[in-house]
Amino acid sequence: MPPEVRLKPHLTSDELRKCYRCCAHPADKTRWHALWLISQDKANRHVAQVVDRSHTWVNDLVRAYNEGGPNAVPTHKRAGEARGGKKAVLDVSGVLELGQALDTEAPPGGGLWTGAKVAAWIAAKTGHRPDQATGWRYLQKLGYSQQTSRPAHPQAASKEEQAAFQKKSSH
């Protein structure tokens, strides 16, 4: 039986999972999924079954990843391109760096990360100023959702009514 394939430590298993989870293109998503499973010491024949590919396809993918790193994973036809043929603002390593910044850094100006703040972060890193919508798309791609405070019930008791109720119920 041939030896199982091993990944070079270009990315951690968690980073590979993030790439898999935030990838939009189905073919590339399959590639990231296979690499993530391999990083968890799954047998390449098992991985091939899970992603519905051959074990030689898995071996070729691992070889390409080991030689070229994360940027060798997207298919050559679409490498660095977004829908419509436009070049992506961030490559794989840029998306991972953004994900780490979102997890560890406070956004400029405090508060929560917004599309505008992500766009400003991208501009500082790349020199290219994307619009707010691009920043928001990267937030969604990395699994973040819109955060708003919960609305008050329209028939909720006022502060005075709440205080009066608490006085009555404490007896």
Foldseek 3Di string as FASTA:
>chain_A
DDDFDAADPLDALVLLVLCLQLDDDPVLNLLSQLVSVVNVVDGLCVSCVVSVHHSVVSVVSRVQCRVPNPQSRPDPVQRQADPPRHGDLDHSVRLSVLLVCQVPPAFVVGDHDALQSQQVVSCVVPVDRDDSVSSRSSCVSSPHDDDDDDDDDPPDDDPVVVVVVVVVVVD
